[in-house]
Each structure stands twice: as structure tokens, then as C-alpha cells.
Amino acid sequence: MAISGVLQLAASTLAFLLAAVGAKQWAISPTLLKMVFTLILYTIGNLIMLRLVRDFGMASAFTLSALLQLVAVNAIAIFYFSEELPSAQLAGILLAIIAVGLITLAPSK
């Protein structure tokens, strides 16, 4: 993936992470402004993803995005929002990271 792809992936991930934080803030204290802000951020992230899909393919773009979001969203939930996950859920997240990593990074035949 070229530098421009990495930057686009970072931008979409940032948009999705900010949207996830907005969604959590809306869940804590719902307001129309929070909902609109969250929807705008999700839209921006998806528009960037459309370009990534066109340039790098659906499998690569969505798999890398999913892996980055999986790690980052859980880190934000645990460290910023002080959410606690049972060990079974933590194990599931770890297995998901490993699975997506294998799908993304394993050489194809």
C-alpha cells in the first residue's frame, strides 16, 4: 500500500474513531447535535473508504480498516471510558485481532 493509501486509511480510521466516541457520548447523554456530528463523522469515514476500496480493493481496504478499528475502539472503550470486559470477551477480541491479522498479512498462494 502506497503512502497515500496509508494516509487515507489513517484518516478514515480517525473519522470512525471520533464517530465511535461521538456515539458513546450520545448514548450517555443523547442530543440531536451529538447524533448529527456522529453521523457526519461516519459519512466522512465511509467516503474515504470508498476511495480506498477503488484504489486497493475491497478485501484489503475493509480488512485493514476493521483491524485498526477493532484495536483502537477497544482501547478507547477500556482506557477512556473505563469499560471493563470479562476475560472471555478479551480473549475473543485477541482472537479476532489474530484472525484479521492472518487474513491481511498471510501470503496468498
PDB file of N, CA and C in Angstrom:
ATOM      1  N   MET A   1       0.859  -1.179   0.000  1.00  0.00           N
ATOM      2  CA  MET A   1       0.000   0.000   0.000  1.00  0.00           C
ATOM      3  C   MET A   1       0.897   1.232   0.000  1.00  0.00           C
ATOM      4  N   ALA A   2       0.595   2.156  -0.876  1.00  0.00           N
ATOM      5  CA  ALA A   2       1.376   3.383  -1.011  1.00  0.00           C
ATOM      6  C   ALA A   2       1.126   4.317   0.163  1.00  0.00           C
ATOM      7  N   ILE A   3       1.982   5.317   0.265  1.00  0.00           N
ATOM      8  CA  ILE A   3       1.856   6.307   1.345  1.00  0.00           C
ATOM      9  C   ILE A   3       0.472   6.957   1.320  1.00  0.00           C
ATOM     10  N   SER A   4      -0.021   7.283   0.133  1.00  0.00           N
ATOM     11  CA  SER A   4      -1.345   7.917   0.057  1.00  0.00           C
ATOM     12  C   SER A   4      -2.428   6.993   0.614  1.00  0.00           C
ATOM     13  N   GLY A   5      -2.292   5.690   0.378  1.00  0.00           N
ATOM     14  CA  GLY A   5      -3.243   4.728   0.924  1.00  0.00           C
ATOM     15  C   GLY A   5      -3.176   4.649   2.433  1.00  0.00           C
ATOM     16  N   VAL A   6      -1.963   4.675   2.959  1.00  0.00           N
ATOM     17  CA  VAL A   6      -1.787   4.639   4.412  1.00  0.00           C
ATOM     18  C   VAL A   6      -2.393   5.892   5.048  1.00  0.00           C
ATOM     19  N   LEU A   7      -2.180   7.042   4.411  1.00  0.00           N
ATOM     20  CA  LEU A   7      -2.743   8.285   4.944  1.00  0.00           C
ATOM     21  C   LEU A   7      -4.269   8.276   4.875  1.00  0.00           C
ATOM     22  N   GLN A   8      -4.819   7.745   3.785  1.00  0.00           N
ATOM     23  CA  GLN A   8      -6.268   7.649   3.668  1.00  0.00           C
ATOM     24  C   GLN A   8      -6.831   6.678   4.707  1.00  0.00           C
ATOM     25  N   LEU A   9      -6.132   5.562   4.910  1.00  0.00           N
ATOM     26  CA  LEU A   9      -6.570   4.594   5.919  1.00  0.00           C
ATOM     27  C   LEU A   9      -6.532   5.222   7.310  1.00  0.00           C
ATOM     28  N   ALA A  10      -5.480   5.980   7.590  1.00  0.00           N
ATOM     29  CA  ALA A  10      -5.384   6.673   8.883  1.00  0.00           C
ATOM     30  C   ALA A  10      -6.507   7.695   9.037  1.00  0.00           C
ATOM     31  N   ALA A  11      -6.808   8.422   7.965  1.00  0.00           N
ATOM     32  CA  ALA A  11      -7.876   9.431   8.031  1.00  0.00           C
ATOM     33  C   ALA A  11      -9.236   8.779   8.251  1.00  0.00           C
ATOM     34  N   SER A  12      -9.495   7.691   7.540  1.00  0.00           N
ATOM     35  CA  SER A  12     -10.791   7.024   7.731  1.00  0.00           C
ATOM     36  C   SER A  12     -10.890   6.434   9.128  1.00  0.00           C
ATOM     37  N   THR A  13      -9.805   5.853   9.617  1.00  0.00           N
ATOM     38  CA  THR A  13      -9.806   5.290  10.967  1.00  0.00           C
ATOM     39  C   THR A  13     -10.046   6.377  12.001  1.00  0.00           C
ATOM     40  N   LEU A  14      -9.395   7.520  11.834  1.00  0.00           N
ATOM     41  CA  LEU A  14      -9.609   8.630  12.762  1.00  0.00           C
ATOM     42  C   LEU A  14     -11.069   9.091  12.730  1.00  0.00           C
ATOM     43  N   ALA A  15     -11.630   9.196  11.525  1.00  0.00           N
ATOM     44  CA  ALA A  15     -13.035   9.600  11.417  1.00  0.00           C
ATOM     45  C   ALA A  15     -13.944   8.590  12.121  1.00  0.00           C
ATOM     46  N   PHE A  16     -13.691   7.295  11.908  1.00  0.00           N
ATOM     47  CA  PHE A  16     -14.521   6.268  12.549  1.00  0.00           C
ATOM     48  C   PHE A  16     -14.330   6.262  14.065  1.00  0.00           C
ATOM     49  N   LEU A  17     -13.113   6.498  14.542  1.00  0.00           N
ATOM     50  CA  LEU A  17     -12.884   6.534  15.989  1.00  0.00           C
ATOM     51  C   LEU A  17     -13.582   7.730  16.628  1.00  0.00           C
ATOM     52  N   LEU A  18     -13.475   8.883  15.985  1.00  0.00           N
ATOM     53  CA  LEU A  18     -14.186  10.053  16.508  1.00  0.00           C
ATOM     54  C   LEU A  18     -15.698   9.831  16.480  1.00  0.00           C
ATOM     55  N   ALA A  19     -16.170   9.161  15.435  1.00  0.00           N
ATOM     56  CA  ALA A  19     -17.600   8.839  15.361  1.00  0.00           C
ATOM     57  C   ALA A  19     -18.006   7.876  16.475  1.00  0.00           C
ATOM     58  N   ALA A  20     -17.139   6.905  16.768  1.00  0.00           N
ATOM     59  CA  ALA A  20     -17.442   5.960  17.846  1.00  0.00           C
ATOM     60  C   ALA A  20     -17.500   6.675  19.194  1.00  0.00           C
ATOM     61  N   VAL A  21     -16.577   7.604  19.413  1.00  0.00           N
ATOM     62  CA  VAL A  21     -16.605   8.392  20.650  1.00  0.00           C
ATOM     63  C   VAL A  21     -17.882   9.243  20.681  1.00  0.00           C
ATOM     64  N   GLY A  22     -18.247   9.823  19.546  1.00  0.00           N
ATOM     65  CA  GLY A  22     -19.482  10.591  19.471  1.00  0.00           C
ATOM     66  C   GLY A  22     -20.699   9.732  19.765  1.00  0.00           C
ATOM     67  N   ALA A  23     -20.696   8.502  19.250  1.00  0.00           N
ATOM     68  CA  ALA A  23     -21.817   7.588  19.508  1.00  0.00           C
ATOM     69  C   ALA A  23     -21.902   7.244  20.993  1.00  0.00           C
ATOM     70  N   LYS A  24     -20.763   7.036  21.627  1.00  0.00           N
ATOM     71  CA  LYS A  24     -20.766   6.735  23.065  1.00  0.00           C
ATOM     72  C   LYS A  24     -21.256   7.951  23.853  1.00  0.00           C
ATOM     73  N   GLN A  25     -20.785   9.136  23.462  1.00  0.00           N
ATOM     74  CA  GLN A  25     -21.239  10.361  24.138  1.00  0.00           C
ATOM     75  C   GLN A  25     -22.744  10.550  23.956  1.00  0.00           C
ATOM     76  N   TRP A  26     -23.240  10.235  22.752  1.00  0.00           N
ATOM     77  CA  TRP A  26     -24.677  10.326  22.503  1.00  0.00           C
ATOM     78  C   TRP A  26     -25.432   9.323  23.376  1.00  0.00           C
ATOM     79  N   ALA A  27     -24.877   8.103  23.526  1.00  0.00           N
ATOM     80  CA  ALA A  27     -25.523   7.078  24.347  1.00  0.00           C
ATOM     81  C   ALA A  27     -25.597   7.506  25.813  1.00  0.00           C
ATOM     82  N   ILE A  28     -24.577   8.217  26.270  1.00  0.00           N
ATOM     83  CA  ILE A  28     -24.548   8.687  27.659  1.00  0.00           C
ATOM     84  C   ILE A  28     -25.541   9.826  27.852  1.00  0.00           C
ATOM     85  N   SER A  29     -25.581  10.729  26.897  1.00  0.00           N
ATOM     86  CA  SER A  29     -26.435  11.916  27.009  1.00  0.00           C
ATOM     87  C   SER A  29     -26.910  12.311  25.609  1.00  0.00           C
ATOM     88  N   PRO A  30     -28.030  11.741  25.155  1.00  0.00           N
ATOM     89  CA  PRO A  30     -28.475  11.969  23.775  1.00  0.00           C
ATOM     90  C   PRO A  30     -28.916  13.407  23.501  1.00  0.00           C
ATOM     91  N   THR A  31     -28.358  13.952  22.437  1.00  0.00           N
ATOM     92  CA  THR A  31     -28.817  15.238  21.904  1.00  0.00           C
ATOM     93  C   THR A  31     -28.782  15.144  20.382  1.00  0.00           C
ATOM     94  N   LEU A  32     -29.559  15.979  19.741  1.00  0.00           N
ATOM     95  CA  LEU A  32     -29.592  15.998  18.284  1.00  0.00           C
ATOM     96  C   LEU A  32     -28.229  16.388  17.713  1.00  0.00           C
ATOM     97  N   LEU A  33     -27.559  17.337  18.323  1.00  0.00           N
ATOM     98  CA  LEU A  33     -26.249  17.784  17.846  1.00  0.00           C
ATOM     99  C   LEU A  33     -25.222  16.649  17.870  1.00  0.00           C
ATOM    100  N   LYS A  34     -25.211  15.881  18.951  1.00  0.00           N
ATOM    101  CA  LYS A  34     -24.281  14.750  19.037  1.00  0.00           C
ATOM    102  C   LYS A  34     -24.581  13.714  17.961  1.00  0.00           C
ATOM    103  N   MET A  35     -25.861  13.474  17.713  1.00  0.00           N
ATOM    104  CA  MET A  35     -26.226  12.491  16.703  1.00  0.00           C
ATOM    105  C   MET A  35     -25.807  12.966  15.310  1.00  0.00           C
ATOM    106  N   VAL A  36     -26.060  14.215  14.999  1.00  0.00           N
ATOM    107  CA  VAL A  36     -25.694  14.763  13.692  1.00  0.00           C
ATOM    108  C   VAL A  36     -24.181  14.742  13.520  1.00  0.00           C
ATOM    109  N   PHE A  37     -23.436  15.151  14.532  1.00  0.00           N
ATOM    110  CA  PHE A  37     -21.975  15.140  14.487  1.00  0.00           C
ATOM    111  C   PHE A  37     -21.452  13.725  14.250  1.00  0.00           C
ATOM    112  N   THR A  38     -22.032  12.761  14.943  1.00  0.00           N
ATOM    113  CA  THR A  38     -21.625  11.361  14.791  1.00  0.00           C
ATOM    114  C   THR A  38     -21.907  10.859  13.383  1.00  0.00           C
ATOM    115  N   LEU A  39     -23.072  11.168  12.856  1.00  0.00           N
ATOM    116  CA  LEU A  39     -23.426  10.741  11.500  1.00  0.00           C
ATOM    117  C   LEU A  39     -22.528  11.378  10.447  1.00  0.00           C
ATOM    118  N   ILE A  40     -22.158  12.629  10.637  1.00  0.00           N
ATOM    119  CA  ILE A  40     -21.241  13.297   9.707  1.00  0.00           C
ATOM    120  C   ILE A  40     -19.885  12.605   9.719  1.00  0.00           C
ATOM    121  N   LEU A  41     -19.394  12.268  10.908  1.00  0.00           N
ATOM    122  CA  LEU A  41     -18.093  11.594  11.002  1.00  0.00           C
ATOM    123  C   LEU A  41     -18.129  10.208  10.360  1.00  0.00           C
ATOM    124  N   TYR A  42     -19.201   9.455  10.578  1.00  0.00           N
ATOM    125  CA  TYR A  42     -19.328   8.149   9.924  1.00  0.00           C
ATOM    126  C   TYR A  42     -19.385   8.311   8.405  1.00  0.00           C
ATOM    127  N   THR A  43     -20.065   9.336   7.936  1.00  0.00           N
ATOM    128  CA  THR A  43     -20.150   9.584   6.494  1.00  0.00           C
ATOM    129  C   THR A  43     -18.775   9.909   5.916  1.00  0.00           C
ATOM    130  N   ILE A  44     -18.020  10.748   6.592  1.00  0.00           N
ATOM    131  CA  ILE A  44     -16.667  11.086   6.139  1.00  0.00           C
ATOM    132  C   ILE A  44     -15.806   9.824   6.069  1.00  0.00           C
ATOM    133  N   GLY A  45     -15.848   9.011   7.122  1.00  0.00           N
ATOM    134  CA  GLY A  45     -15.076   7.765   7.132  1.00  0.00           C
ATOM    135  C   GLY A  45     -15.452   6.854   5.978  1.00  0.00           C
ATOM    136  N   ASN A  46     -16.749   6.738   5.698  1.00  0.00           N
ATOM    137  CA  ASN A  46     -17.199   5.877   4.607  1.00  0.00           C
ATOM    138  C   ASN A  46     -16.834   6.435   3.238  1.00  0.00           C
ATOM    139  N   LEU A  47     -16.859   7.745   3.075  1.00  0.00           N
ATOM    140  CA  LEU A  47     -16.450   8.334   1.801  1.00  0.00           C
ATOM    141  C   LEU A  47     -14.964   8.070   1.528  1.00  0.00           C
ATOM    142  N   ILE A  48     -14.161   8.159   2.558  1.00  0.00           N
ATOM    143  CA  ILE A  48     -12.737   7.835   2.396  1.00  0.00           C
ATOM    144  C   ILE A  48     -12.572   6.356   2.072  1.00  0.00           C
ATOM    145  N   MET A  49     -13.366   5.507   2.730  1.00  0.00           N
ATOM    146  CA  MET A  49     -13.287   4.066   2.459  1.00  0.00           C
ATOM    147  C   MET A  49     -13.655   3.743   1.012  1.00  0.00           C
ATOM    148  N   LEU A  50     -14.586   4.481   0.430  1.00  0.00           N
ATOM    149  CA  LEU A  50     -14.941   4.243  -0.971  1.00  0.00           C
ATOM    150  C   LEU A  50     -13.731   4.424  -1.881  1.00  0.00           C
ATOM    151  N   ARG A  51     -12.959   5.436  -1.607  1.00  0.00           N
ATOM    152  CA  ARG A  51     -11.741   5.656  -2.406  1.00  0.00           C
ATOM    153  C   ARG A  51     -10.729   4.536  -2.166  1.00  0.00           C
ATOM    154  N   LEU A  52     -10.577   4.129  -0.915  1.00  0.00           N
ATOM    155  CA  LEU A  52      -9.647   3.029  -0.613  1.00  0.00           C
ATOM    156  C   LEU A  52     -10.063   1.738  -1.310  1.00  0.00           C
ATOM    157  N   VAL A  53     -11.362   1.466  -1.321  1.00  0.00           N
ATOM    158  CA  VAL A  53     -11.856   0.262  -1.993  1.00  0.00           C
ATOM    159  C   VAL A  53     -11.540   0.335  -3.481  1.00  0.00           C
ATOM    160  N   ARG A  54     -11.737   1.493  -4.074  1.00  0.00           N
ATOM    161  CA  ARG A  54     -11.444   1.656  -5.502  1.00  0.00           C
ATOM    162  C   ARG A  54      -9.954   1.475  -5.787  1.00  0.00           C
ATOM    163  N   ASP A  55      -9.105   2.054  -4.932  1.00  0.00           N
ATOM    164  CA  ASP A  55      -7.661   2.038  -5.187  1.00  0.00           C
ATOM    165  C   ASP A  55      -6.975   0.742  -4.782  1.00  0.00           C
ATOM    166  N   PHE A  56      -7.457   0.077  -3.715  1.00  0.00           N
ATOM    167  CA  PHE A  56      -6.720  -1.065  -3.162  1.00  0.00           C
ATOM    168  C   PHE A  56      -7.530  -2.354  -3.085  1.00  0.00           C
ATOM    169  N   GLY A  57      -8.791  -2.291  -3.456  1.00  0.00           N
ATOM    170  CA  GLY A  57      -9.628  -3.478  -3.411  1.00  0.00           C
ATOM    171  C   GLY A  57     -10.409  -3.558  -2.118  1.00  0.00           C
ATOM    172  N   MET A  58     -11.554  -4.204  -2.214  1.00  0.00           N
ATOM    173  CA  MET A  58     -12.451  -4.309  -1.077  1.00  0.00           C
ATOM    174  C   MET A  58     -11.840  -5.126   0.060  1.00  0.00           C
ATOM    175  N   ALA A  59     -11.256  -6.258  -0.274  1.00  0.00           N
ATOM    176  CA  ALA A  59     -10.722  -7.145   0.766  1.00  0.00           C
ATOM    177  C   ALA A  59      -9.637  -6.450   1.587  1.00  0.00           C
ATOM    178  N   SER A  60      -8.686  -5.850   0.916  1.00  0.00           N
ATOM    179  CA  SER A  60      -7.585  -5.189   1.633  1.00  0.00           C
ATOM    180  C   SER A  60      -8.069  -3.991   2.434  1.00  0.00           C
ATOM    181  N   ALA A  61      -8.857  -3.135   1.807  1.00  0.00           N
ATOM    182  CA  ALA A  61      -9.289  -1.901   2.467  1.00  0.00           C
ATOM    183  C   ALA A  61     -10.122  -2.183   3.712  1.00  0.00           C
ATOM    184  N   PHE A  62     -11.127  -3.038   3.579  1.00  0.00           N
ATOM    185  CA  PHE A  62     -12.012  -3.283   4.720  1.00  0.00           C
ATOM    186  C   PHE A  62     -11.356  -4.131   5.804  1.00  0.00           C
ATOM    187  N   THR A  63     -10.492  -5.050   5.405  1.00  0.00           N
ATOM    188  CA  THR A  63      -9.822  -5.877   6.406  1.00  0.00           C
ATOM    189  C   THR A  63      -8.866  -5.043   7.243  1.00  0.00           C
ATOM    190  N   LEU A  64      -8.063  -4.208   6.600  1.00  0.00           N
ATOM    191  CA  LEU A  64      -7.143  -3.351   7.359  1.00  0.00           C
ATOM    192  C   LEU A  64      -7.908  -2.355   8.233  1.00  0.00           C
ATOM    193  N   SER A  65      -8.967  -1.782   7.687  1.00  0.00           N
ATOM    194  CA  SER A  65      -9.770  -0.840   8.459  1.00  0.00           C
ATOM    195  C   SER A  65     -10.395  -1.524   9.676  1.00  0.00           C
ATOM    196  N   ALA A  66     -10.908  -2.725   9.468  1.00  0.00           N
ATOM    197  CA  ALA A  66     -11.531  -3.459  10.580  1.00  0.00           C
ATOM    198  C   ALA A  66     -10.522  -3.767  11.680  1.00  0.00           C
ATOM    199  N   LEU A  67      -9.325  -4.162  11.296  1.00  0.00           N
ATOM    200  CA  LEU A  67      -8.300  -4.483  12.287  1.00  0.00           C
ATOM    201  C   LEU A  67      -7.919  -3.243  13.090  1.00  0.00           C
ATOM    202  N   LEU A  68      -7.669  -2.142  12.396  1.00  0.00           N
ATOM    203  CA  LEU A  68      -7.305  -0.910  13.098  1.00  0.00           C
ATOM    204  C   LEU A  68      -8.419  -0.443  14.028  1.00  0.00           C
ATOM    205  N   GLN A  69      -9.640  -0.498  13.539  1.00  0.00           N
ATOM    206  CA  GLN A  69     -10.761  -0.058  14.364  1.00  0.00           C
ATOM    207  C   GLN A  69     -10.996  -0.986  15.556  1.00  0.00           C
ATOM    208  N   LEU A  70     -10.829  -2.270  15.343  1.00  0.00           N
ATOM    209  CA  LEU A  70     -11.016  -3.232  16.427  1.00  0.00           C
ATOM    210  C   LEU A  70     -10.085  -2.919  17.588  1.00  0.00           C
ATOM    211  N   VAL A  71      -8.832  -2.695  17.283  1.00  0.00           N
ATOM    212  CA  VAL A  71      -7.840  -2.403  18.323  1.00  0.00           C
ATOM    213  C   VAL A  71      -8.116  -1.038  18.951  1.00  0.00           C
ATOM    214  N   ALA A  72      -8.291  -0.027  18.118  1.00  0.00           N
ATOM    215  CA  ALA A  72      -8.414   1.336  18.629  1.00  0.00           C
ATOM    216  C   ALA A  72      -9.717   1.569  19.398  1.00  0.00           C
ATOM    217  N   VAL A  73     -10.826   1.063  18.890  1.00  0.00           N
ATOM    218  CA  VAL A  73     -12.107   1.269  19.580  1.00  0.00           C
ATOM    219  C   VAL A  73     -12.102   0.591  20.945  1.00  0.00           C
ATOM    220  N   ASN A  74     -11.539  -0.602  21.007  1.00  0.00           N
ATOM    221  CA  ASN A  74     -11.475  -1.277  22.308  1.00  0.00           C
ATOM    222  C   ASN A  74     -10.531  -0.568  23.263  1.00  0.00           C
ATOM    223  N   ALA A  75      -9.440  -0.045  22.763  1.00  0.00           N
ATOM    224  CA  ALA A  75      -8.529   0.721  23.623  1.00  0.00           C
ATOM    225  C   ALA A  75      -9.229   1.961  24.174  1.00  0.00           C
ATOM    226  N   ILE A  76      -9.976   2.661  23.323  1.00  0.00           N
ATOM    227  CA  ILE A  76     -10.712   3.846  23.780  1.00  0.00           C
ATOM    228  C   ILE A  76     -11.777   3.452  24.804  1.00  0.00           C
ATOM    229  N   ALA A  77     -12.504   2.378  24.523  1.00  0.00           N
ATOM    230  CA  ALA A  77     -13.560   1.944  25.454  1.00  0.00           C
ATOM    231  C   ALA A  77     -12.984   1.597  26.822  1.00  0.00           C
ATOM    232  N   ILE A  78     -11.853   0.908  26.816  1.00  0.00           N
ATOM    233  CA  ILE A  78     -11.259   0.461  28.080  1.00  0.00           C
ATOM    234  C   ILE A  78     -10.559   1.602  28.812  1.00  0.00           C
ATOM    235  N   PHE A  79      -9.713   2.363  28.107  1.00  0.00           N
ATOM    236  CA  PHE A  79      -8.880   3.352  28.780  1.00  0.00           C
ATOM    237  C   PHE A  79      -9.529   4.724  28.932  1.00  0.00           C
ATOM    238  N   TYR A  80     -10.383   5.120  27.991  1.00  0.00           N
ATOM    239  CA  TYR A  80     -11.005   6.444  28.080  1.00  0.00           C
ATOM    240  C   TYR A  80     -12.354   6.386  28.787  1.00  0.00           C
ATOM    241  N   PHE A  81     -13.169   5.381  28.433  1.00  0.00           N
ATOM    242  CA  PHE A  81     -14.498   5.282  29.032  1.00  0.00           C
ATOM    243  C   PHE A  81     -14.532   4.321  30.217  1.00  0.00           C
ATOM    244  N   SER A  82     -13.412   3.756  30.583  1.00  0.00           N
ATOM    245  CA  SER A  82     -13.273   2.860  31.737  1.00  0.00           C
ATOM    246  C   SER A  82     -14.234   1.680  31.684  1.00  0.00           C
ATOM    247  N   GLU A  83     -14.484   1.174  30.472  1.00  0.00           N
ATOM    248  CA  GLU A  83     -15.316  -0.013  30.351  1.00  0.00           C
ATOM    249  C   GLU A  83     -14.487  -1.234  30.733  1.00  0.00           C
ATOM    250  N   GLU A  84     -15.142  -2.178  31.355  1.00  0.00           N
ATOM    251  CA  GLU A  84     -14.466  -3.417  31.741  1.00  0.00           C
ATOM    252  C   GLU A  84     -15.022  -4.561  30.911  1.00  0.00           C
ATOM    253  N   LEU A  85     -14.131  -5.387  30.406  1.00  0.00           N
ATOM    254  CA  LEU A  85     -14.545  -6.535  29.613  1.00  0.00           C
ATOM    255  C   LEU A  85     -14.183  -7.812  30.353  1.00  0.00           C
ATOM    256  N   PRO A  86     -15.104  -8.761  30.400  1.00  0.00           N
ATOM    257  CA  PRO A  86     -14.782 -10.057  31.004  1.00  0.00           C
ATOM    258  C   PRO A  86     -13.668 -10.736  30.198  1.00  0.00           C
ATOM    259  N   SER A  87     -12.988 -11.653  30.841  1.00  0.00           N
ATOM    260  CA  SER A  87     -11.852 -12.304  30.184  1.00  0.00           C
ATOM    261  C   SER A  87     -12.261 -13.031  28.903  1.00  0.00           C
ATOM    262  N   ALA A  88     -13.464 -13.576  28.862  1.00  0.00           N
ATOM    263  CA  ALA A  88     -13.909 -14.258  27.637  1.00  0.00           C
ATOM    264  C   ALA A  88     -14.022 -13.266  26.477  1.00  0.00           C
ATOM    265  N   GLN A  89     -14.507 -12.066  26.750  1.00  0.00           N
ATOM    266  CA  GLN A  89     -14.594 -11.057  25.694  1.00  0.00           C
ATOM    267  C   GLN A  89     -13.212 -10.572  25.276  1.00  0.00           C
ATOM    268  N   LEU A  90     -12.315 -10.400  26.239  1.00  0.00           N
ATOM    269  CA  LEU A  90     -10.941 -10.013  25.900  1.00  0.00           C
ATOM    270  C   LEU A  90     -10.278 -11.083  25.047  1.00  0.00           C
ATOM    271  N   ALA A  91     -10.505 -12.350  25.382  1.00  0.00           N
ATOM    272  CA  ALA A  91      -9.949 -13.445  24.575  1.00  0.00           C
ATOM    273  C   ALA A  91     -10.538 -13.414  23.164  1.00  0.00           C
ATOM    274  N   GLY A  92     -11.826 -13.134  23.050  1.00  0.00           N
ATOM    275  CA  GLY A  92     -12.461 -13.034  21.740  1.00  0.00           C
ATOM    276  C   GLY A  92     -11.876 -11.913  20.905  1.00  0.00           C
ATOM    277  N   ILE A  93     -11.626 -10.776  21.540  1.00  0.00           N
ATOM    278  CA  ILE A  93     -11.013  -9.648  20.833  1.00  0.00           C
ATOM    279  C   ILE A  93      -9.613 -10.019  20.363  1.00  0.00           C
ATOM    280  N   LEU A  94      -8.848 -10.661  21.224  1.00  0.00           N
ATOM    281  CA  LEU A  94      -7.495 -11.089  20.849  1.00  0.00           C
ATOM    282  C   LEU A  94      -7.540 -12.074  19.688  1.00  0.00           C
ATOM    283  N   LEU A  95      -8.444 -13.028  19.738  1.00  0.00           N
ATOM    284  CA  LEU A  95      -8.579 -13.989  18.640  1.00  0.00           C
ATOM    285  C   LEU A  95      -9.009 -13.296  17.349  1.00  0.00           C
ATOM    286  N   ALA A  96      -9.882 -12.307  17.458  1.00  0.00           N
ATOM    287  CA  ALA A  96     -10.308 -11.559  16.269  1.00  0.00           C
ATOM    288  C   ALA A  96      -9.144 -10.793  15.655  1.00  0.00           C
ATOM    289  N   ILE A  97      -8.328 -10.192  16.507  1.00  0.00           N
ATOM    290  CA  ILE A  97      -7.142  -9.477  16.013  1.00  0.00           C
ATOM    291  C   ILE A  97      -6.207 -10.441  15.297  1.00  0.00           C
ATOM    292  N   ILE A  98      -5.987 -11.608  15.898  1.00  0.00           N
ATOM    293  CA  ILE A  98      -5.118 -12.607  15.270  1.00  0.00           C
ATOM    294  C   ILE A  98      -5.712 -13.063  13.939  1.00  0.00           C
ATOM    295  N   ALA A  99      -7.022 -13.320  13.917  1.00  0.00           N
ATOM    296  CA  ALA A  99      -7.672 -13.796  12.695  1.00  0.00           C
ATOM    297  C   ALA A  99      -7.580 -12.761  11.573  1.00  0.00           C
ATOM    298  N   VAL A 100      -7.904 -11.517  11.886  1.00  0.00           N
ATOM    299  CA  VAL A 100      -7.847 -10.488  10.861  1.00  0.00           C
ATOM    300  C   VAL A 100      -6.408 -10.246  10.430  1.00  0.00           C
ATOM    301  N   GLY A 101      -5.479 -10.310  11.365  1.00  0.00           N
ATOM    302  CA  GLY A 101      -4.065 -10.182  11.029  1.00  0.00           C
ATOM    303  C   GLY A 101      -3.611 -11.282  10.078  1.00  0.00           C
ATOM    304  N   LEU A 102      -4.033 -12.496  10.330  1.00  0.00           N
ATOM    305  CA  LEU A 102      -3.676 -13.613   9.445  1.00  0.00           C
ATOM    306  C   LEU A 102      -4.279 -13.434   8.057  1.00  0.00           C
ATOM    307  N   ILE A 103      -5.530 -12.998   8.013  1.00  0.00           N
ATOM    308  CA  ILE A 103      -6.182 -12.767   6.721  1.00  0.00           C
ATOM    309  C   ILE A 103      -5.443 -11.682   5.935  1.00  0.00           C
ATOM    310  N   THR A 104      -5.046 -10.642   6.638  1.00  0.00           N
ATOM    311  CA  THR A 104      -4.423  -9.498   5.980  1.00  0.00           C
ATOM    312  C   THR A 104      -2.961  -9.750   5.623  1.00  0.00           C
ATOM    313  N   LEU A 105      -2.224 -10.308   6.536  1.00  0.00           N
ATOM    314  CA  LEU A 105      -0.783 -10.380   6.382  1.00  0.00           C
ATOM    315  C   LEU A 105      -0.257 -11.690   5.803  1.00  0.00           C
ATOM    316  N   ALA A 106      -1.058 -12.740   5.861  1.00  0.00           N
ATOM    317  CA  ALA A 106      -0.593 -14.040   5.349  1.00  0.00           C
ATOM    318  C   ALA A 106      -0.423 -13.971   3.829  1.00  0.00           C
ATOM    319  N   PRO A 107       0.668 -14.526   3.338  1.00  0.00           N
ATOM    320  CA  PRO A 107       0.860 -14.501   1.890  1.00  0.00           C
ATOM    321  C   PRO A 107      -0.172 -15.405   1.209  1.00  0.00           C
ATOM    322  N   SER A 108      -0.643 -14.955   0.059  1.00  0.00           N
ATOM    323  CA  SER A 108      -1.605 -15.778  -0.687  1.00  0.00           C
ATOM    324  C   SER A 108      -0.846 -16.770  -1.557  1.00  0.00           C
ATOM    325  N   LYS A 109      -1.511 -17.880  -1.876  1.00  0.00           N
ATOM    326  CA  LYS A 109      -0.858 -18.916  -2.683  1.00  0.00           C
ATOM    327  C   LYS A 109      -0.937 -18.594  -4.150  1.00  0.00           C
TER     328      LYS A 109
END
